[in-house]
Protein backbone atom coordinates (compact mmCIF):
# COMPACT_ATOMS: atom_id res chain seq x y z
CA MET A 1 51.56 -29.02 36.61
CA LEU A 2 47.84 -28.80 36.77
CA LYS A 3 46.17 -30.39 33.79
CA LEU A 4 42.05 -30.22 33.13
CA ASP A 5 40.74 -33.15 30.85
CA LYS A 6 37.46 -32.13 29.83
CA VAL A 7 36.18 -30.44 32.83
CA SER A 8 32.30 -29.48 33.75
CA SER A 9 30.76 -27.62 36.54
CA TYR A 10 27.09 -26.95 37.10
CA TYR A 11 24.95 -24.93 39.47
CA GLY A 12 22.03 -26.74 40.02
CA GLU A 13 20.98 -28.32 36.28
CA SER A 14 22.43 -25.87 34.63
CA LYS A 15 26.39 -26.49 33.08
CA VAL A 16 28.05 -23.28 33.98
CA VAL A 17 31.87 -24.41 32.98
CA LYS A 18 31.46 -26.65 29.77
CA ASP A 19 34.12 -29.33 28.60
CA ILE A 20 37.46 -27.23 29.62
CA SER A 21 40.70 -28.43 29.00
CA LEU A 22 44.09 -26.74 29.65
CA GLU A 23 47.69 -27.13 31.10
CA VAL A 24 49.20 -24.76 33.28
CA LYS A 25 53.06 -26.07 33.59
CA ASP A 26 55.56 -25.29 36.68
CA GLY A 27 56.47 -21.76 37.14
CA LYS A 28 53.87 -20.83 34.51
CA PHE A 29 52.35 -17.42 34.82
CA PHE A 30 48.42 -18.41 33.73
CA ALA A 31 45.56 -15.72 32.78
CA ILE A 32 41.70 -16.22 32.53
CA LEU A 33 40.06 -13.58 30.78
CA GLY A 34 36.46 -12.90 29.96
CA LYS A 35 33.36 -10.64 30.33
CA ASN A 36 31.65 -11.00 33.80
CA GLY A 37 29.34 -13.66 33.82
CA MET A 38 31.36 -15.82 31.70
CA GLY A 39 32.40 -18.65 33.64
CA LYS A 40 36.04 -17.23 35.09
CA THR A 41 35.20 -17.26 38.92
CA THR A 42 33.28 -20.69 38.25
CA LEU A 43 36.33 -22.37 37.09
CA LEU A 44 38.59 -21.49 39.76
CA LYS A 45 36.17 -22.70 41.61
CA THR A 46 35.99 -25.99 40.05
CA ILE A 47 39.50 -26.26 40.02
CA MET A 48 39.25 -26.19 43.99
CA GLY A 49 36.40 -28.26 44.37
CA LEU A 50 33.77 -25.97 45.50
CA MET A 51 31.17 -26.78 43.16
CA SER A 52 28.59 -29.39 43.92
CA LYS A 53 28.52 -31.33 40.50
CA ILE A 54 32.04 -31.60 38.51
CA GLU A 55 32.59 -33.58 35.68
CA GLY A 56 36.06 -34.64 34.02
CA LYS A 57 39.39 -34.84 35.43
CA ILE A 58 41.70 -32.46 36.93
CA SER A 59 45.22 -33.43 38.28
CA LEU A 60 47.59 -32.07 39.78
CA ALA A 61 51.70 -32.99 39.63
CA LYS A 62 49.85 -35.98 38.09
CA ASN A 63 47.98 -37.01 40.92
CA ASP A 64 43.85 -37.15 40.37
CA ILE A 65 42.25 -34.88 42.68
CA SER A 66 39.30 -34.76 40.39
CA LYS A 67 37.45 -36.54 43.66
CA MET A 68 38.98 -34.76 46.55
CA PRO A 69 37.55 -32.11 48.80
CA THR A 70 38.63 -28.52 48.76
CA TYR A 71 40.71 -29.24 51.73
CA LEU A 72 42.76 -32.14 50.69
CA ARG A 73 43.41 -30.41 47.60
CA ALA A 74 44.55 -27.27 49.64
CA LYS A 75 47.18 -29.95 51.11
CA SER A 76 47.96 -31.16 47.61
CA GLY A 77 49.16 -27.47 46.45
CA LEU A 78 46.42 -25.24 45.43
CA GLY A 79 46.42 -21.64 47.31
CA TYR A 80 43.10 -19.62 46.72
CA VAL A 81 42.58 -16.10 46.66
CA PRO A 82 38.86 -15.50 46.22
CA GLN A 83 36.75 -12.77 45.15
CA GLY A 84 35.64 -11.04 48.39
CA ARG A 85 38.86 -11.56 50.19
CA GLY A 86 37.20 -14.09 52.64
CA ILE A 87 38.99 -12.88 55.45
CA MET A 88 38.33 -13.14 58.72
CA PRO A 89 37.33 -9.59 60.10
CA GLN A 90 37.24 -10.49 63.74
CA PHE A 91 40.66 -12.17 63.41
CA THR A 92 43.97 -10.06 63.57
CA VAL A 93 46.09 -10.06 60.85
CA GLU A 94 48.72 -12.26 62.71
CA GLU A 95 45.76 -14.76 62.92
CA ASN A 96 44.31 -14.31 59.76
CA ILE A 97 47.93 -15.27 58.05
CA THR A 98 48.39 -18.45 60.67
CA ILE A 99 44.90 -19.53 59.12
CA GLY A 100 47.09 -20.60 56.25
CA SER A 101 49.32 -22.56 57.71
CA PHE A 102 46.64 -24.82 59.02
CA ALA A 103 46.15 -26.35 54.88
CA ARG A 104 50.13 -27.45 55.01
CA ASP A 105 50.30 -30.82 54.32
CA ASN A 106 52.36 -33.16 56.88
CA GLU A 107 55.90 -32.29 54.89
CA ASN A 108 54.99 -28.60 54.97
CA LYS A 109 54.81 -28.23 58.82
CA ASN A 110 58.06 -26.89 59.46
CA ASN A 111 59.37 -23.34 58.42
CA ILE A 112 55.84 -21.73 59.58
CA ASN A 113 57.59 -18.96 61.20
CA GLU A 114 60.46 -18.31 58.53
CA ASP A 115 57.16 -18.36 55.76
CA PHE A 116 55.27 -16.11 58.49
CA GLU A 117 58.04 -13.29 58.29
CA PHE A 118 58.37 -14.02 53.84
CA VAL A 119 54.96 -12.77 53.57
CA LEU A 120 55.42 -10.07 55.91
CA ASN A 121 58.64 -9.15 53.68
CA LEU A 122 56.25 -9.40 50.60
CA PHE A 123 53.70 -6.82 52.33
CA PRO A 124 55.22 -4.61 55.12
CA ILE A 125 52.02 -3.10 55.84
CA LEU A 126 50.77 -5.96 57.30
CA ARG A 127 53.73 -6.05 59.92
CA GLU A 128 53.09 -2.92 60.94
CA PHE A 129 49.26 -3.85 61.25
CA LYS A 130 50.18 -7.57 62.64
CA LYS A 131 47.79 -6.87 66.13
CA ARG A 132 45.31 -4.87 63.83
CA ARG A 133 42.09 -6.76 63.08
CA GLY A 134 41.48 -8.23 59.79
CA GLY A 135 37.62 -6.07 59.39
CA ASP A 136 39.36 -2.54 60.11
CA LEU A 137 42.03 -2.65 56.84
CA SER A 138 41.35 -1.16 53.76
CA GLY A 139 40.13 -3.28 50.74
CA GLY A 140 43.70 -2.87 49.24
CA GLN A 141 45.24 -4.16 52.88
CA GLN A 142 42.56 -6.71 52.90
CA GLN A 143 43.63 -8.35 49.74
CA GLN A 144 47.36 -8.16 50.55
CA LEU A 145 46.51 -10.41 53.57
CA ALA A 146 44.22 -12.72 51.73
CA ILE A 147 47.08 -13.39 49.32
CA ALA A 148 49.60 -13.75 52.39
CA ARG A 149 47.58 -16.20 53.88
CA ALA A 150 47.22 -18.26 50.84
CA LEU A 151 50.74 -18.08 50.67
CA LEU A 152 51.27 -19.76 53.88
CA THR A 153 49.78 -22.76 52.91
CA LYS A 154 52.72 -23.43 50.76
CA PRO A 155 51.26 -23.77 47.55
CA LYS A 156 52.45 -25.48 44.16
CA ILE A 157 50.24 -23.00 42.22
CA LEU A 158 48.40 -19.72 43.28
CA LEU A 159 44.83 -19.03 41.96
CA LEU A 160 43.94 -15.33 42.32
CA ASP A 161 40.23 -14.14 41.20
CA GLU A 162 40.58 -10.58 40.38
CA PRO A 163 42.63 -9.23 42.92
CA THR A 164 42.89 -5.69 42.17
CA GLU A 165 39.72 -4.98 41.64
CA GLY A 166 38.14 -1.97 43.64
CA ILE A 167 41.48 -0.99 44.90
CA GLN A 168 43.35 1.83 45.11
CA PRO A 169 46.29 2.25 42.32
CA ASN A 170 49.12 2.38 44.78
CA ILE A 171 48.00 -1.06 46.37
CA VAL A 172 47.08 -2.41 42.98
CA GLU A 173 51.00 -1.75 41.84
CA GLU A 174 51.86 -3.48 45.16
CA ILE A 175 50.32 -6.28 44.57
CA GLU A 176 50.83 -6.81 40.75
CA ASN A 177 54.97 -6.30 41.66
CA VAL A 178 54.62 -9.12 44.39
CA LEU A 179 52.72 -11.72 41.98
CA VAL A 180 55.25 -11.12 39.40
CA LYS A 181 58.16 -11.58 41.94
CA LEU A 182 56.88 -15.01 43.42
CA ASN A 183 56.93 -16.20 40.00
CA LYS A 184 59.88 -14.74 38.33
CA GLU A 185 62.37 -15.02 41.13
CA TYR A 186 60.57 -18.17 43.19
CA LYS A 187 59.31 -19.86 40.41
CA LEU A 188 55.45 -19.98 41.86
CA SER A 189 52.66 -21.00 39.30
CA ILE A 190 50.05 -18.52 39.22
CA ILE A 191 46.25 -18.81 37.73
CA LEU A 192 45.07 -15.24 37.89
CA VAL A 193 41.47 -13.86 36.61
CA GLU A 194 41.96 -10.31 35.94
CA GLN A 195 40.67 -7.45 33.90
CA SER A 196 43.98 -5.49 32.94
CA ILE A 197 44.95 -6.74 29.68
CA GLY A 198 48.50 -4.09 30.05
CA PHE A 199 49.61 -6.28 33.14
CA ILE A 200 48.37 -9.71 31.58
CA LYS A 201 50.85 -8.82 28.73
CA LYS A 202 53.47 -7.97 31.27
CA ALA A 203 53.55 -10.41 33.46
CA ALA A 204 51.55 -13.78 31.88
CA ASP A 205 52.86 -16.08 29.82
CA ASP A 206 49.50 -17.91 28.76
CA PHE A 207 46.00 -16.76 28.62
CA ILE A 208 42.63 -18.33 27.73
CA ILE A 209 39.48 -16.29 27.19
CA ILE A 210 36.29 -17.79 28.50
CA GLU A 211 33.02 -17.12 26.03
CA ARG A 212 30.03 -18.85 28.21
CA GLY A 213 31.88 -21.04 29.82
CA GLU A 214 34.02 -22.51 27.04
CA ILE A 215 37.46 -21.38 25.67
CA ALA A 216 37.04 -19.05 22.72
CA GLU A 217 40.47 -17.88 22.49
CA LYS A 218 43.85 -19.25 23.97
CA GLY A 219 47.76 -18.49 23.42
CA LYS A 220 50.81 -16.64 24.40
CA ALA A 221 49.91 -13.58 26.49
CA SER A 222 51.82 -11.16 24.65
CA SER A 223 50.24 -11.62 21.45
CA ILE A 224 46.42 -10.66 22.92
CA SER A 225 45.76 -7.94 20.51
CA ASP A 226 43.60 -4.91 20.22
CA LYS A 227 41.06 -7.05 17.98
CA LEU A 228 40.84 -9.79 20.43
CA VAL A 229 40.17 -7.69 23.46
CA GLN A 230 37.43 -5.94 21.12
CA LYS A 231 35.53 -8.93 20.12
CA TYR A 232 35.77 -10.69 23.57
CA LEU A 233 36.61 -8.43 26.67
CA THR A 234 35.07 -4.89 25.62
CA VAL A 235 31.72 -4.26 27.43
């Protein structure tokens, strides 16, 4: 379980995430919603320890990770797919995926080859393009690669920042299906920043809406109403 207790974070002197408390239980699919610029990406970066100043307590599996650097949070079980994907364009698909295994803790050093095959089965195009440079892939294929790399860290919780943004519809559907499979069949906890309300209502268990760095609404994803969408999510 991931738990945040009155967590805040800053860009310089500006508080962007403001006193957020939430829980993501094991095996749950948790959605973070909100308009652009409201703090969704910053909240994920805060959980990953990527902000220069963070206040409050963050716990993973009842262990306090508040002061841990990012690489130790990854070893503790947080897998992260950032906005923009962050792949290495000069590295091959195979090399990019392998990078994820460097973040495993010592208990998970075994079975890397087996897990590599697992992610290639999830995204068959990556098997076909295994020797191709990451920079030569389409945007959708790069997103699949970024997710595969994060899965090689052997995460307890997978954090994804708008993984379907700007991607061709057929690959969006593939990515959505993989995320549902990982959560429902393999019981992987997922925290997802996403704009597609239809997908969130279908796949997620719980949600929060971020408004100016604070939680404006929360509840069961199936209960998200048109009124709520119009109030907080419609541009």
